[in-house]
């Protein structure tokens, strides 16, 4: 990867797509880190992550919870934006 591309991601021109992505909250240093990897390295990292997720799923045993159990927290409706 040429130095100029790295510079464009690390210090993007105002109005560029990279600047818009940065302003949106995308960490361009992580993008750059991934681009430095070969495609094979990226695939291996993805496969490792998939294996780890599958291992976590295999060890997680869902509890028997009735649908009308009021003590159960529904995380899809919890407001995490305040306080």
N, C-alpha and C. Protein backbone atom coordinates (compact mmCIF):
# COMPACT_ATOMS: atom_id res chain seq x y z
N UNK A 1 0.86 -1.17 0.00
CA UNK A 1 0.00 0.00 0.00
C UNK A 1 0.90 1.23 0.00
N UNK A 2 0.62 2.16 -0.86
CA UNK A 2 1.48 3.34 -0.97
C UNK A 2 1.25 4.28 0.20
N UNK A 3 2.24 5.05 0.49
CA UNK A 3 2.17 5.99 1.61
C UNK A 3 1.06 7.01 1.41
N UNK A 4 0.83 7.43 0.19
CA UNK A 4 -0.18 8.44 -0.05
C UNK A 4 -1.59 7.95 0.31
N UNK A 5 -1.86 6.68 0.09
CA UNK A 5 -3.16 6.14 0.47
C UNK A 5 -3.29 6.12 1.98
N UNK A 6 -2.22 5.74 2.67
CA UNK A 6 -2.25 5.75 4.13
C UNK A 6 -2.48 7.16 4.65
N UNK A 7 -1.80 8.11 4.07
CA UNK A 7 -1.97 9.50 4.48
C UNK A 7 -3.40 9.98 4.23
N UNK A 8 -3.99 9.54 3.13
CA UNK A 8 -5.37 9.93 2.83
C UNK A 8 -6.34 9.40 3.88
N UNK A 9 -6.05 8.23 4.42
CA UNK A 9 -6.92 7.67 5.45
C UNK A 9 -6.63 8.26 6.82
N UNK A 10 -5.36 8.53 7.10
CA UNK A 10 -5.00 9.06 8.41
C UNK A 10 -5.32 10.54 8.55
N UNK A 11 -5.23 11.27 7.45
CA UNK A 11 -5.51 12.71 7.46
C UNK A 11 -6.30 13.06 6.20
N UNK A 12 -7.59 12.69 6.17
CA UNK A 12 -8.37 12.87 4.95
C UNK A 12 -8.67 14.34 4.64
N UNK A 13 -8.75 14.63 3.34
CA UNK A 13 -9.12 15.99 2.89
C UNK A 13 -10.54 16.30 3.32
N UNK A 14 -10.81 17.53 3.73
CA UNK A 14 -12.20 17.91 4.04
C UNK A 14 -13.08 17.70 2.81
N UNK A 15 -14.24 17.13 3.05
CA UNK A 15 -15.18 16.88 1.97
C UNK A 15 -15.00 15.55 1.26
N UNK A 16 -13.92 14.83 1.58
CA UNK A 16 -13.69 13.53 0.94
C UNK A 16 -14.55 12.46 1.61
N UNK A 17 -14.67 11.33 0.93
CA UNK A 17 -15.43 10.21 1.48
C UNK A 17 -14.79 9.72 2.77
N UNK A 18 -13.47 9.72 2.83
CA UNK A 18 -12.78 9.29 4.05
C UNK A 18 -13.09 10.24 5.20
N UNK A 19 -13.14 11.54 4.93
CA UNK A 19 -13.47 12.51 5.97
C UNK A 19 -14.90 12.31 6.44
N UNK A 20 -15.81 12.03 5.51
CA UNK A 20 -17.21 11.79 5.88
C UNK A 20 -17.31 10.53 6.76
N UNK A 21 -16.57 9.49 6.40
CA UNK A 21 -16.58 8.27 7.19
C UNK A 21 -16.03 8.53 8.59
N UNK A 22 -14.93 9.25 8.66
CA UNK A 22 -14.34 9.59 9.96
C UNK A 22 -15.33 10.38 10.80
N UNK A 23 -15.96 11.39 10.19
CA UNK A 23 -16.91 12.23 10.91
C UNK A 23 -18.14 11.44 11.36
N UNK A 24 -18.47 10.38 10.63
CA UNK A 24 -19.59 9.52 10.99
C UNK A 24 -19.25 8.64 12.18
N UNK A 25 -17.94 8.46 12.43
CA UNK A 25 -17.50 7.67 13.57
C UNK A 25 -16.74 6.41 13.22
N UNK A 26 -16.42 6.23 11.96
CA UNK A 26 -15.65 5.06 11.54
C UNK A 26 -14.19 5.29 11.87
N UNK A 27 -13.58 4.29 12.53
CA UNK A 27 -12.17 4.38 12.89
C UNK A 27 -11.33 4.00 11.67
N UNK A 28 -10.81 4.98 11.01
CA UNK A 28 -10.05 4.74 9.78
C UNK A 28 -8.72 4.05 10.05
N UNK A 29 -8.21 4.14 11.27
CA UNK A 29 -6.96 3.43 11.58
C UNK A 29 -7.20 1.93 11.57
N UNK A 30 -8.41 1.49 11.99
CA UNK A 30 -8.73 0.06 11.92
C UNK A 30 -8.88 -0.38 10.47
N UNK A 31 -9.48 0.46 9.66
CA UNK A 31 -9.61 0.16 8.23
C UNK A 31 -8.23 0.01 7.61
N UNK A 32 -7.34 0.92 7.93
CA UNK A 32 -5.98 0.87 7.41
C UNK A 32 -5.27 -0.40 7.88
N UNK A 33 -5.46 -0.73 9.14
CA UNK A 33 -4.84 -1.95 9.69
C UNK A 33 -5.30 -3.18 8.92
N UNK A 34 -6.60 -3.26 8.61
CA UNK A 34 -7.12 -4.40 7.86
C UNK A 34 -6.59 -4.42 6.42
N UNK A 35 -6.46 -3.24 5.81
CA UNK A 35 -5.96 -3.17 4.44
C UNK A 35 -4.50 -3.59 4.32
N UNK A 36 -3.77 -3.49 5.41
CA UNK A 36 -2.36 -3.90 5.40
C UNK A 36 -2.21 -5.42 5.39
N UNK A 37 -3.28 -6.14 5.73
CA UNK A 37 -3.24 -7.60 5.73
C UNK A 37 -3.45 -8.13 4.32
N UNK A 38 -2.91 -9.31 4.09
CA UNK A 38 -3.18 -9.96 2.81
C UNK A 38 -4.59 -10.54 2.85
N UNK A 39 -5.18 -10.84 1.70
CA UNK A 39 -6.50 -11.47 1.72
C UNK A 39 -6.53 -12.76 2.53
N UNK A 40 -5.47 -13.58 2.45
CA UNK A 40 -5.41 -14.81 3.22
C UNK A 40 -5.41 -14.53 4.72
N UNK A 41 -4.69 -13.50 5.14
CA UNK A 41 -4.66 -13.15 6.56
C UNK A 41 -6.04 -12.68 7.03
N UNK A 42 -6.73 -11.93 6.19
CA UNK A 42 -8.07 -11.47 6.53
C UNK A 42 -9.03 -12.64 6.67
N UNK A 43 -8.94 -13.61 5.76
CA UNK A 43 -9.80 -14.79 5.83
C UNK A 43 -9.51 -15.58 7.10
N UNK A 44 -8.22 -15.76 7.42
CA UNK A 44 -7.87 -16.51 8.64
C UNK A 44 -8.42 -15.81 9.88
N UNK A 45 -8.32 -14.49 9.95
CA UNK A 45 -8.86 -13.76 11.09
C UNK A 45 -10.38 -13.94 11.18
N UNK A 46 -11.05 -13.86 10.06
CA UNK A 46 -12.50 -14.04 10.03
C UNK A 46 -12.87 -15.44 10.48
N UNK A 47 -12.14 -16.45 10.01
CA UNK A 47 -12.42 -17.82 10.41
C UNK A 47 -12.21 -18.02 11.90
N UNK A 48 -11.14 -17.43 12.46
CA UNK A 48 -10.91 -17.53 13.90
C UNK A 48 -12.07 -16.92 14.67
N UNK A 49 -12.53 -15.77 14.22
CA UNK A 49 -13.65 -15.10 14.89
C UNK A 49 -14.91 -15.96 14.82
N UNK A 50 -15.14 -16.57 13.67
CA UNK A 50 -16.31 -17.43 13.51
C UNK A 50 -16.24 -18.64 14.45
N UNK A 51 -15.06 -19.25 14.56
CA UNK A 51 -14.89 -20.39 15.45
C UNK A 51 -15.13 -19.98 16.91
N UNK A 52 -14.64 -18.80 17.28
CA UNK A 52 -14.83 -18.32 18.65
C UNK A 52 -16.30 -18.07 18.94
N UNK A 53 -17.01 -17.49 17.99
CA UNK A 53 -18.44 -17.25 18.18
C UNK A 53 -19.19 -18.56 18.31
N UNK A 54 -18.87 -19.53 17.46
CA UNK A 54 -19.52 -20.83 17.54
C UNK A 54 -19.23 -21.51 18.88
N UNK A 55 -18.00 -21.37 19.38
CA UNK A 55 -17.66 -21.95 20.68
C UNK A 55 -18.46 -21.29 21.79
N UNK A 56 -18.64 -19.98 21.71
CA UNK A 56 -19.44 -19.28 22.72
C UNK A 56 -20.89 -19.72 22.65
N UNK A 57 -21.41 -19.88 21.45
CA UNK A 57 -22.80 -20.33 21.30
C UNK A 57 -22.98 -21.73 21.85
N UNK A 58 -21.99 -22.58 21.65
CA UNK A 58 -22.09 -23.97 22.11
C UNK A 58 -22.07 -24.05 23.63
N UNK A 59 -21.37 -23.14 24.29
CA UNK A 59 -21.29 -23.19 25.75
C UNK A 59 -22.45 -22.45 26.41
N UNK A 60 -23.13 -21.60 25.66
CA UNK A 60 -24.26 -20.85 26.21
C UNK A 60 -25.51 -21.71 26.15
N UNK A 61 -26.09 -21.94 27.33
CA UNK A 61 -27.30 -22.74 27.39
C UNK A 61 -28.46 -21.82 27.77
N UNK A 62 -29.37 -21.57 26.86
CA UNK A 62 -30.49 -20.69 27.18
C UNK A 62 -31.33 -21.29 28.31
N UNK A 63 -31.79 -20.41 29.20
CA UNK A 63 -32.62 -20.84 30.32
C UNK A 63 -34.06 -21.00 29.84
N UNK A 64 -34.78 -21.86 30.51
CA UNK A 64 -36.21 -22.00 30.21
C UNK A 64 -36.92 -20.80 30.83
N UNK A 65 -37.32 -19.86 30.01
CA UNK A 65 -38.01 -18.66 30.48
C UNK A 65 -39.35 -18.60 29.76
N UNK A 66 -40.39 -18.44 30.55
CA UNK A 66 -41.72 -18.33 29.95
C UNK A 66 -41.89 -16.95 29.35
N UNK A 67 -42.68 -16.84 28.31
CA UNK A 67 -42.88 -15.57 27.60
C UNK A 67 -43.50 -14.52 28.50
N UNK A 68 -44.29 -14.93 29.51
CA UNK A 68 -44.96 -13.95 30.36
C UNK A 68 -44.18 -13.66 31.65
N UNK A 69 -42.93 -14.08 31.73
CA UNK A 69 -42.11 -13.86 32.92
C UNK A 69 -41.72 -12.38 33.00
N UNK A 70 -42.30 -11.66 33.98
CA UNK A 70 -42.04 -10.22 34.09
C UNK A 70 -40.66 -9.91 34.65
N UNK A 71 -39.97 -10.90 35.22
CA UNK A 71 -38.63 -10.65 35.76
C UNK A 71 -37.57 -10.67 34.67
N UNK A 72 -37.95 -11.13 33.48
CA UNK A 72 -37.01 -11.21 32.36
C UNK A 72 -36.84 -9.85 31.72
N UNK A 73 -35.60 -9.46 31.49
CA UNK A 73 -35.32 -8.18 30.84
C UNK A 73 -35.32 -8.37 29.34
N UNK A 74 -36.08 -7.55 28.65
CA UNK A 74 -36.09 -7.57 27.19
C UNK A 74 -35.09 -6.53 26.71
N UNK A 75 -33.92 -6.98 26.31
CA UNK A 75 -32.85 -6.06 25.94
C UNK A 75 -33.12 -5.30 24.64
N UNK A 76 -34.11 -5.71 23.90
CA UNK A 76 -34.41 -4.99 22.67
C UNK A 76 -35.14 -3.69 22.94
N UNK A 77 -35.68 -3.53 24.16
CA UNK A 77 -36.41 -2.30 24.46
C UNK A 77 -35.73 -1.43 25.51
N UNK A 78 -34.57 -1.86 26.00
CA UNK A 78 -33.86 -1.08 27.01
C UNK A 78 -33.27 0.17 26.36
N UNK A 79 -33.50 1.33 26.96
CA UNK A 79 -32.97 2.59 26.44
C UNK A 79 -31.56 2.78 26.98
N UNK A 80 -30.56 2.69 26.10
CA UNK A 80 -29.17 2.86 26.51
C UNK A 80 -28.64 4.23 26.16
N UNK A 81 -29.48 5.11 25.66
CA UNK A 81 -28.99 6.43 25.23
C UNK A 81 -29.03 7.46 26.33
N UNK A 82 -29.78 7.21 27.39
CA UNK A 82 -29.87 8.22 28.45
C UNK A 82 -29.03 7.81 29.65
N UNK A 83 -28.56 8.83 30.36
CA UNK A 83 -27.89 8.65 31.63
C UNK A 83 -26.65 7.97 31.57
